[in-house]
N, C-alpha and C. Protein backbone atom coordinates (compact mmCIF):
# COMPACT_ATOMS: atom_id res chain seq x y z
N MET A 1 21.04 -11.84 11.55
CA MET A 1 20.73 -12.67 10.41
C MET A 1 20.00 -11.82 9.37
N LYS A 2 20.45 -11.91 8.13
CA LYS A 2 19.85 -11.13 7.07
C LYS A 2 18.57 -11.78 6.59
N LYS A 3 17.64 -10.94 6.16
CA LYS A 3 16.35 -11.42 5.66
C LYS A 3 16.51 -11.94 4.24
N VAL A 4 15.94 -13.12 3.96
CA VAL A 4 15.97 -13.68 2.62
C VAL A 4 14.95 -12.92 1.78
N SER A 5 15.36 -12.53 0.58
CA SER A 5 14.47 -11.74 -0.27
C SER A 5 13.31 -12.58 -0.79
N THR A 6 12.22 -11.91 -1.08
CA THR A 6 11.03 -12.56 -1.63
C THR A 6 11.35 -13.23 -2.96
N GLU A 7 12.17 -12.57 -3.77
CA GLU A 7 12.54 -13.13 -5.07
C GLU A 7 13.27 -14.46 -4.91
N THR A 8 14.14 -14.55 -3.92
CA THR A 8 14.87 -15.79 -3.67
C THR A 8 13.91 -16.91 -3.27
N ILE A 9 12.95 -16.60 -2.44
CA ILE A 9 11.97 -17.60 -2.01
C ILE A 9 11.14 -18.06 -3.20
N ILE A 10 10.69 -17.14 -4.05
CA ILE A 10 9.89 -17.50 -5.22
C ILE A 10 10.70 -18.38 -6.17
N ARG A 11 11.95 -18.00 -6.44
CA ARG A 11 12.78 -18.81 -7.33
C ARG A 11 13.00 -20.20 -6.78
N THR A 12 13.18 -20.31 -5.47
CA THR A 12 13.38 -21.62 -4.85
C THR A 12 12.13 -22.48 -4.95
N ILE A 13 10.97 -21.90 -4.72
CA ILE A 13 9.71 -22.65 -4.83
C ILE A 13 9.51 -23.14 -6.27
N ILE A 14 9.76 -22.26 -7.24
CA ILE A 14 9.61 -22.65 -8.63
C ILE A 14 10.60 -23.76 -8.99
N LEU A 15 11.82 -23.67 -8.49
CA LEU A 15 12.81 -24.70 -8.74
C LEU A 15 12.36 -26.04 -8.17
N VAL A 16 11.87 -26.05 -6.94
CA VAL A 16 11.42 -27.29 -6.31
C VAL A 16 10.25 -27.90 -7.09
N VAL A 17 9.28 -27.06 -7.47
CA VAL A 17 8.11 -27.56 -8.22
C VAL A 17 8.54 -28.15 -9.55
N THR A 18 9.44 -27.46 -10.26
CA THR A 18 9.87 -27.98 -11.56
C THR A 18 10.71 -29.24 -11.42
N LEU A 19 11.53 -29.32 -10.37
CA LEU A 19 12.31 -30.55 -10.15
C LEU A 19 11.40 -31.73 -9.82
N VAL A 20 10.42 -31.52 -8.95
CA VAL A 20 9.48 -32.59 -8.62
C VAL A 20 8.71 -33.00 -9.86
N ASN A 21 8.27 -32.03 -10.65
CA ASN A 21 7.56 -32.33 -11.89
C ASN A 21 8.43 -33.16 -12.83
N GLN A 22 9.70 -32.81 -12.96
CA GLN A 22 10.59 -33.53 -13.85
C GLN A 22 10.81 -34.97 -13.38
N VAL A 23 11.01 -35.15 -12.09
CA VAL A 23 11.21 -36.51 -11.54
C VAL A 23 9.95 -37.35 -11.76
N LEU A 24 8.80 -36.80 -11.48
CA LEU A 24 7.55 -37.55 -11.67
C LEU A 24 7.30 -37.86 -13.14
N THR A 25 7.62 -36.93 -14.03
CA THR A 25 7.48 -37.18 -15.46
C THR A 25 8.41 -38.30 -15.90
N THR A 26 9.63 -38.30 -15.38
CA THR A 26 10.59 -39.35 -15.70
C THR A 26 10.09 -40.71 -15.23
N LEU A 27 9.38 -40.75 -14.12
CA LEU A 27 8.84 -41.99 -13.58
C LEU A 27 7.52 -42.40 -14.24
N GLY A 28 7.08 -41.64 -15.24
CA GLY A 28 5.86 -41.98 -15.97
C GLY A 28 4.59 -41.44 -15.36
N LYS A 29 4.69 -40.56 -14.41
CA LYS A 29 3.51 -39.96 -13.79
C LYS A 29 3.18 -38.65 -14.51
N ASN A 30 1.95 -38.19 -14.38
CA ASN A 30 1.54 -36.90 -14.92
C ASN A 30 1.18 -36.01 -13.75
N PRO A 31 2.18 -35.35 -13.13
CA PRO A 31 1.94 -34.60 -11.90
C PRO A 31 1.11 -33.34 -12.07
N LEU A 32 1.18 -32.75 -13.24
CA LEU A 32 0.44 -31.52 -13.48
C LEU A 32 -0.56 -31.76 -14.60
N PRO A 33 -1.71 -32.29 -14.26
CA PRO A 33 -2.68 -32.66 -15.30
C PRO A 33 -3.49 -31.47 -15.81
N PHE A 34 -2.81 -30.52 -16.42
CA PHE A 34 -3.48 -29.34 -16.94
C PHE A 34 -3.46 -29.39 -18.46
N ALA A 35 -4.53 -28.95 -19.05
CA ALA A 35 -4.56 -28.82 -20.50
C ALA A 35 -3.79 -27.56 -20.89
N GLU A 36 -3.33 -27.52 -22.12
CA GLU A 36 -2.58 -26.36 -22.59
C GLU A 36 -3.42 -25.09 -22.50
N GLU A 37 -4.71 -25.21 -22.73
CA GLU A 37 -5.60 -24.05 -22.65
C GLU A 37 -5.68 -23.52 -21.22
N ASP A 38 -5.66 -24.44 -20.24
CA ASP A 38 -5.71 -24.02 -18.83
C ASP A 38 -4.46 -23.21 -18.47
N ILE A 39 -3.31 -23.70 -18.90
CA ILE A 39 -2.05 -23.00 -18.62
C ILE A 39 -2.05 -21.63 -19.28
N TYR A 40 -2.51 -21.56 -20.53
CA TYR A 40 -2.59 -20.29 -21.24
C TYR A 40 -3.50 -19.32 -20.50
N ALA A 41 -4.65 -19.80 -20.05
CA ALA A 41 -5.60 -18.93 -19.34
C ALA A 41 -5.00 -18.41 -18.04
N VAL A 42 -4.33 -19.25 -17.30
CA VAL A 42 -3.71 -18.83 -16.04
C VAL A 42 -2.61 -17.81 -16.28
N LEU A 43 -1.76 -18.06 -17.26
CA LEU A 43 -0.66 -17.13 -17.55
C LEU A 43 -1.18 -15.80 -18.07
N THR A 44 -2.22 -15.84 -18.90
CA THR A 44 -2.80 -14.60 -19.40
C THR A 44 -3.42 -13.79 -18.27
N THR A 45 -4.12 -14.48 -17.38
CA THR A 45 -4.73 -13.80 -16.23
C THR A 45 -3.65 -13.20 -15.33
N ALA A 46 -2.59 -13.95 -15.08
CA ALA A 46 -1.50 -13.45 -14.23
C ALA A 46 -0.84 -12.23 -14.86
N ALA A 47 -0.63 -12.27 -16.18
CA ALA A 47 -0.03 -11.12 -16.87
C ALA A 47 -0.95 -9.90 -16.80
N THR A 48 -2.24 -10.12 -16.94
CA THR A 48 -3.20 -9.01 -16.87
C THR A 48 -3.22 -8.40 -15.48
N ILE A 49 -3.21 -9.23 -14.46
CA ILE A 49 -3.20 -8.75 -13.08
C ILE A 49 -1.91 -7.97 -12.81
N ALA A 50 -0.78 -8.49 -13.26
CA ALA A 50 0.50 -7.81 -13.05
C ALA A 50 0.54 -6.46 -13.75
N ALA A 51 0.06 -6.41 -15.00
CA ALA A 51 0.04 -5.15 -15.74
C ALA A 51 -0.89 -4.14 -15.09
N THR A 52 -2.03 -4.61 -14.60
CA THR A 52 -2.99 -3.73 -13.94
C THR A 52 -2.39 -3.15 -12.66
N ALA A 53 -1.77 -4.01 -11.86
CA ALA A 53 -1.17 -3.55 -10.60
C ALA A 53 -0.04 -2.57 -10.87
N TRP A 54 0.77 -2.84 -11.88
CA TRP A 54 1.89 -1.96 -12.21
C TRP A 54 1.39 -0.60 -12.67
N ALA A 55 0.39 -0.60 -13.56
CA ALA A 55 -0.15 0.67 -14.05
C ALA A 55 -0.83 1.45 -12.93
N TRP A 56 -1.49 0.75 -12.04
CA TRP A 56 -2.16 1.42 -10.92
C TRP A 56 -1.15 1.99 -9.94
N TRP A 57 -0.07 1.26 -9.68
CA TRP A 57 0.91 1.66 -8.67
C TRP A 57 1.75 2.86 -9.13
N LYS A 58 2.12 2.86 -10.41
CA LYS A 58 2.97 3.92 -10.92
C LYS A 58 2.20 5.23 -11.01
N ASN A 59 2.95 6.33 -10.94
CA ASN A 59 2.36 7.67 -11.05
C ASN A 59 2.16 7.96 -12.53
N ASN A 60 0.91 8.04 -12.96
CA ASN A 60 0.59 8.27 -14.36
C ASN A 60 0.10 9.71 -14.52
N SER A 61 1.02 10.59 -14.83
CA SER A 61 0.68 12.02 -14.98
C SER A 61 0.37 12.32 -16.44
N PHE A 62 -0.84 12.82 -16.68
CA PHE A 62 -1.27 13.14 -18.03
C PHE A 62 -1.38 14.64 -18.27
N THR A 63 -1.76 15.39 -17.27
CA THR A 63 -1.96 16.82 -17.46
C THR A 63 -0.63 17.56 -17.34
N ASN A 64 -0.60 18.77 -17.92
CA ASN A 64 0.62 19.58 -17.84
C ASN A 64 0.97 19.91 -16.39
N ALA A 65 -0.05 20.19 -15.58
CA ALA A 65 0.20 20.51 -14.17
C ALA A 65 0.80 19.32 -13.43
N ALA A 66 0.30 18.13 -13.70
CA ALA A 66 0.82 16.94 -13.03
C ALA A 66 2.26 16.65 -13.47
N ILE A 67 2.54 16.83 -14.75
CA ILE A 67 3.90 16.61 -15.25
C ILE A 67 4.86 17.63 -14.63
N ALA A 68 4.43 18.89 -14.52
CA ALA A 68 5.25 19.92 -13.89
C ALA A 68 5.50 19.59 -12.42
N ALA A 69 4.47 19.08 -11.74
CA ALA A 69 4.62 18.70 -10.34
C ALA A 69 5.60 17.54 -10.19
N ASP A 70 5.56 16.58 -11.11
CA ASP A 70 6.51 15.47 -11.09
C ASP A 70 7.93 15.97 -11.27
N ASN A 71 8.12 16.90 -12.21
CA ASN A 71 9.45 17.47 -12.42
C ASN A 71 9.95 18.19 -11.18
N TYR A 72 9.06 18.93 -10.53
CA TYR A 72 9.41 19.64 -9.30
C TYR A 72 9.78 18.65 -8.20
N MET A 73 8.99 17.59 -8.07
CA MET A 73 9.28 16.57 -7.06
C MET A 73 10.64 15.92 -7.32
N ASN A 74 10.93 15.60 -8.59
CA ASN A 74 12.21 14.98 -8.92
C ASN A 74 13.38 15.92 -8.66
N GLU A 75 13.16 17.22 -8.88
CA GLU A 75 14.19 18.21 -8.58
C GLU A 75 14.46 18.26 -7.07
N ILE A 76 13.40 18.23 -6.28
CA ILE A 76 13.56 18.25 -4.82
C ILE A 76 14.31 17.00 -4.36
N LYS A 77 13.94 15.85 -4.91
CA LYS A 77 14.62 14.60 -4.53
C LYS A 77 16.09 14.63 -4.93
N ALA A 78 16.39 15.20 -6.10
CA ALA A 78 17.77 15.22 -6.59
C ALA A 78 18.65 16.15 -5.79
N THR A 79 18.12 17.31 -5.39
CA THR A 79 18.94 18.30 -4.70
C THR A 79 18.81 18.22 -3.18
N GLY A 80 17.70 17.66 -2.73
CA GLY A 80 17.47 17.57 -1.30
C GLY A 80 16.97 18.87 -0.69
N THR A 81 16.70 19.86 -1.52
CA THR A 81 16.18 21.13 -1.02
C THR A 81 14.96 21.54 -1.82
N GLU A 82 14.11 22.34 -1.20
CA GLU A 82 12.93 22.85 -1.89
C GLU A 82 13.21 24.22 -2.47
N ASN A 83 12.70 24.45 -3.64
CA ASN A 83 12.82 25.75 -4.28
C ASN A 83 11.75 26.64 -3.69
N GLU A 84 12.12 27.79 -3.15
CA GLU A 84 11.16 28.68 -2.51
C GLU A 84 10.21 29.32 -3.51
N GLU A 85 10.65 29.48 -4.77
CA GLU A 85 9.80 30.07 -5.78
C GLU A 85 8.99 28.98 -6.45
N VAL A 86 7.67 29.05 -6.28
CA VAL A 86 6.81 28.04 -6.89
C VAL A 86 6.05 28.65 -8.02
């Protein structure tokens, strides 16, 4: 049995929540009693956390030596062999 991807699970959860919200709204209920400012704050915080995690996770090479090392690493990955001359 193949593993269901995390993205599929997230999309399904979001779909279920939005469908339940729509049905309850149609029935005159207010299922998500959040102010617009609350939603903005949550989305802004989520975007900040995502950007922080992405910047932290990625290799951020600023120095010439680090950039040269990245190029060397990419060359090794592309060819599958190490260059003996460093």
